[in-house]
Amino acid sequence: MTRQQLSATGPVPGLAVFPLAGQQGVRAAGEVGLTTRAIWEGVLEEAVREGEDVYYLELSDVTFVDVAGAGALAAAAGQLRDGRRFVVRRPPPALRRTLDLLWPGQSGIEVSTS
């Protein structure tokens, strides 16, 4: 999948997702928004189904996550059984702020800046 697809009105943001080597999780690149939300939600649904205690989301190459994308992450975390969590590595600053503002203390999400 390419990061951007061209349309008649200009570039359309894309989201590429790749498995992490040696860890349960994915590395994403691009943006999470209206045109890529289905991809993002699919990743989160798969993570919930997999049943791992820790699922890593490497987001250092993600430039933007809209509020609906943050909400999808919070909703997926809410579906995890006790003790399971998403470890969100190097998210865009807006995602961290949105989670802190709208879903403070969400037990299924751990945000890591390293």
C-alpha atoms as a PDB file:
ATOM      1  CA  MET A   1       0.000   0.000   0.000  1.00  0.00           C
ATOM      2  CA  THR A   2       1.313   3.460  -0.769  1.00  0.00           C
ATOM      3  CA  ARG A   3       1.328   6.314   1.704  1.00  0.00           C
ATOM      4  CA  GLN A   4      -0.603   8.570  -0.591  1.00  0.00           C
ATOM      5  CA  GLN A   5      -2.893   7.988  -3.504  1.00  0.00           C
ATOM      6  CA  LEU A   6      -3.581  10.713  -6.003  1.00  0.00           C
ATOM      7  CA  SER A   7      -7.095  11.888  -6.662  1.00  0.00           C
ATOM      8  CA  ALA A   8      -8.600  14.604  -8.801  1.00  0.00           C
ATOM      9  CA  THR A   9      -8.455  16.998  -5.839  1.00  0.00           C
ATOM     10  CA  GLY A  10      -4.862  16.201  -4.854  1.00  0.00           C
ATOM     11  CA  PRO A  11      -3.134  13.705  -2.594  1.00  0.00           C
ATOM     12  CA  VAL A  12      -5.299  11.525  -0.388  1.00  0.00           C
ATOM     13  CA  PRO A  13      -3.645  10.542   2.910  1.00  0.00           C
ATOM     14  CA  GLY A  14      -2.821   6.866   3.226  1.00  0.00           C
ATOM     15  CA  LEU A  15      -1.947   4.445   5.977  1.00  0.00           C
ATOM     16  CA  ALA A  16       0.514   1.587   5.570  1.00  0.00           C
ATOM     17  CA  VAL A  17       0.716  -1.121   8.244  1.00  0.00           C
ATOM     18  CA  PHE A  18       3.486  -3.698   8.659  1.00  0.00           C
ATOM     19  CA  PRO A  19       4.015  -6.470  11.220  1.00  0.00           C
ATOM     20  CA  LEU A  20       6.682  -5.812  13.863  1.00  0.00           C
ATOM     21  CA  ALA A  21       9.664  -8.131  13.753  1.00  0.00           C
ATOM     22  CA  GLY A  22      10.065 -10.127  16.945  1.00  0.00           C
ATOM     23  CA  GLN A  23       7.083  -8.610  18.764  1.00  0.00           C
ATOM     24  CA  GLN A  24       3.330  -8.905  18.596  1.00  0.00           C
ATOM     25  CA  GLY A  25       2.105  -5.737  16.925  1.00  0.00           C
ATOM     26  CA  VAL A  26       2.397  -3.441  13.945  1.00  0.00           C
ATOM     27  CA  ARG A  27       4.307  -0.447  12.660  1.00  0.00           C
ATOM     28  CA  ALA A  28       2.133   2.113  10.918  1.00  0.00           C
ATOM     29  CA  ALA A  29       3.052   4.971   8.600  1.00  0.00           C
ATOM     30  CA  GLY A  30       0.852   7.762   7.279  1.00  0.00           C
ATOM     31  CA  GLU A  31      -2.323   9.224   8.749  1.00  0.00           C
ATOM     32  CA  VAL A  32      -5.392   7.911  10.548  1.00  0.00           C
ATOM     33  CA  GLY A  33      -8.395   9.841   9.318  1.00  0.00           C
ATOM     34  CA  LEU A  34     -11.603   9.487   7.366  1.00  0.00           C
ATOM     35  CA  THR A  35     -10.013   7.802   4.333  1.00  0.00           C
ATOM     36  CA  THR A  36      -7.910   5.367   6.391  1.00  0.00           C
ATOM     37  CA  ARG A  37     -10.134   4.667   9.396  1.00  0.00           C
ATOM     38  CA  ALA A  38     -11.222   1.230   8.129  1.00  0.00           C
ATOM     39  CA  ILE A  39      -7.577   0.111   7.949  1.00  0.00           C
ATOM     40  CA  TRP A  40      -6.910   1.390  11.486  1.00  0.00           C
ATOM     41  CA  GLU A  41     -10.047  -0.212  12.912  1.00  0.00           C
ATOM     42  CA  GLY A  42      -9.151  -3.504  11.201  1.00  0.00           C
ATOM     43  CA  VAL A  43      -5.726  -3.484  12.860  1.00  0.00           C
ATOM     44  CA  LEU A  44      -7.288  -2.837  16.258  1.00  0.00           C
ATOM     45  CA  GLU A  45      -9.972  -5.512  15.811  1.00  0.00           C
ATOM     46  CA  GLU A  46      -7.307  -8.061  14.880  1.00  0.00           C
ATOM     47  CA  ALA A  47      -5.247  -7.089  17.931  1.00  0.00           C
ATOM     48  CA  VAL A  48      -8.234  -7.610  20.233  1.00  0.00           C
ATOM     49  CA  ARG A  49      -8.904 -11.042  18.692  1.00  0.00           C
ATOM     50  CA  GLU A  50      -5.288 -12.208  18.921  1.00  0.00           C
ATOM     51  CA  GLY A  51      -5.354 -12.392  22.699  1.00  0.00           C
ATOM     52  CA  GLU A  52      -1.744 -11.333  23.399  1.00  0.00           C
ATOM     53  CA  ASP A  53      -1.080  -9.676  26.757  1.00  0.00           C
ATOM     54  CA  VAL A  54       0.808  -6.822  25.078  1.00  0.00           C
ATOM     55  CA  TYR A  55       0.189  -5.588  21.540  1.00  0.00           C
ATOM     56  CA  TYR A  56       2.606  -2.943  20.252  1.00  0.00           C
ATOM     57  CA  LEU A  57       1.558  -0.074  17.997  1.00  0.00           C
ATOM     58  CA  GLU A  58       4.690   1.633  16.630  1.00  0.00           C
ATOM     59  CA  LEU A  59       3.442   5.016  15.431  1.00  0.00           C
ATOM     60  CA  SER A  60       6.653   7.025  14.953  1.00  0.00           C
ATOM     61  CA  ASP A  61       5.880   7.322  11.213  1.00  0.00           C
ATOM     62  CA  VAL A  62       2.242   8.328  11.762  1.00  0.00           C
ATOM     63  CA  THR A  63       1.800  12.059  11.284  1.00  0.00           C
ATOM     64  CA  PHE A  64      -1.824  12.437  12.387  1.00  0.00           C
ATOM     65  CA  VAL A  65      -4.602  10.542  14.193  1.00  0.00           C
ATOM     66  CA  ASP A  66      -8.032  12.177  14.230  1.00  0.00           C
ATOM     67  CA  VAL A  67     -10.411  12.033  17.192  1.00  0.00           C
ATOM     68  CA  ALA A  68     -12.354   9.119  15.703  1.00  0.00           C
ATOM     69  CA  GLY A  69      -9.096   7.185  15.340  1.00  0.00           C
ATOM     70  CA  ALA A  70      -8.245   7.902  18.980  1.00  0.00           C
ATOM     71  CA  GLY A  71     -11.768   6.815  19.916  1.00  0.00           C
ATOM     72  CA  ALA A  72     -11.343   3.562  18.004  1.00  0.00           C
ATOM     73  CA  LEU A  73      -8.153   2.891  19.976  1.00  0.00           C
ATOM     74  CA  ALA A  74      -9.908   3.636  23.275  1.00  0.00           C
ATOM     75  CA  ALA A  75     -12.865   1.422  22.304  1.00  0.00           C
ATOM     76  CA  ALA A  76     -10.557  -1.453  21.347  1.00  0.00           C
ATOM     77  CA  ALA A  77      -8.656  -1.063  24.632  1.00  0.00           C
ATOM     78  CA  GLY A  78     -11.987  -1.257  26.442  1.00  0.00           C
ATOM     79  CA  GLN A  79     -12.563  -4.688  24.865  1.00  0.00           C
ATOM     80  CA  LEU A  80      -9.323  -6.128  26.240  1.00  0.00           C
ATOM     81  CA  ARG A  81      -9.589  -8.468  29.202  1.00  0.00           C
ATOM     82  CA  ASP A  82      -7.871  -7.504  32.462  1.00  0.00           C
ATOM     83  CA  GLY A  83      -4.118  -7.346  32.206  1.00  0.00           C
ATOM     84  CA  ARG A  84      -3.989  -6.934  28.428  1.00  0.00           C
ATOM     85  CA  ARG A  85      -2.910  -3.648  26.906  1.00  0.00           C
ATOM     86  CA  PHE A  86      -1.824  -1.741  23.861  1.00  0.00           C
ATOM     87  CA  VAL A  87       1.628  -0.190  24.084  1.00  0.00           C
ATOM     88  CA  VAL A  88       1.557   2.836  21.798  1.00  0.00           C
ATOM     89  CA  ARG A  89       5.104   3.820  20.891  1.00  0.00           C
ATOM     90  CA  ARG A  90       6.019   7.328  19.753  1.00  0.00           C
ATOM     91  CA  PRO A  91       2.531   8.491  18.743  1.00  0.00           C
ATOM     92  CA  PRO A  92       1.969  11.903  17.184  1.00  0.00           C
ATOM     93  CA  PRO A  93       1.597  14.527  19.953  1.00  0.00           C
ATOM     94  CA  ALA A  94      -2.055  15.183  19.077  1.00  0.00           C
ATOM     95  CA  LEU A  95      -2.953  11.533  19.765  1.00  0.00           C
ATOM     96  CA  ARG A  96      -1.339  11.651  23.189  1.00  0.00           C
ATOM     97  CA  ARG A  97      -3.181  14.891  24.020  1.00  0.00           C
ATOM     98  CA  THR A  98      -6.514  13.537  22.758  1.00  0.00           C
ATOM     99  CA  LEU A  99      -6.184  10.365  24.824  1.00  0.00           C
ATOM    100  CA  ASP A 100      -5.254  12.381  27.925  1.00  0.00           C
ATOM    101  CA  LEU A 101      -8.181  14.754  27.417  1.00  0.00           C
ATOM    102  CA  LEU A 102     -10.990  12.408  26.395  1.00  0.00           C
ATOM    103  CA  TRP A 103      -9.907   9.022  27.785  1.00  0.00           C
ATOM    104  CA  PRO A 104      -7.701   9.798  30.797  1.00  0.00           C
ATOM    105  CA  GLY A 105      -6.409   6.776  32.661  1.00  0.00           C
ATOM    106  CA  GLN A 106      -7.612   4.271  30.053  1.00  0.00           C
ATOM    107  CA  SER A 107      -6.243   1.068  31.588  1.00  0.00           C
ATOM    108  CA  GLY A 108      -5.720  -0.753  28.293  1.00  0.00           C
ATOM    109  CA  ILE A 109      -3.432   1.886  26.751  1.00  0.00           C
ATOM    110  CA  GLU A 110       0.167   2.575  27.698  1.00  0.00           C
ATOM    111  CA  VAL A 111       1.832   5.425  25.786  1.00  0.00           C
ATOM    112  CA  SER A 112       5.602   5.218  25.391  1.00  0.00           C
ATOM    113  CA  THR A 113       7.721   8.003  23.959  1.00  0.00           C
ATOM    114  CA  SER A 114      10.758   5.760  23.442  1.00  0.00           C
END
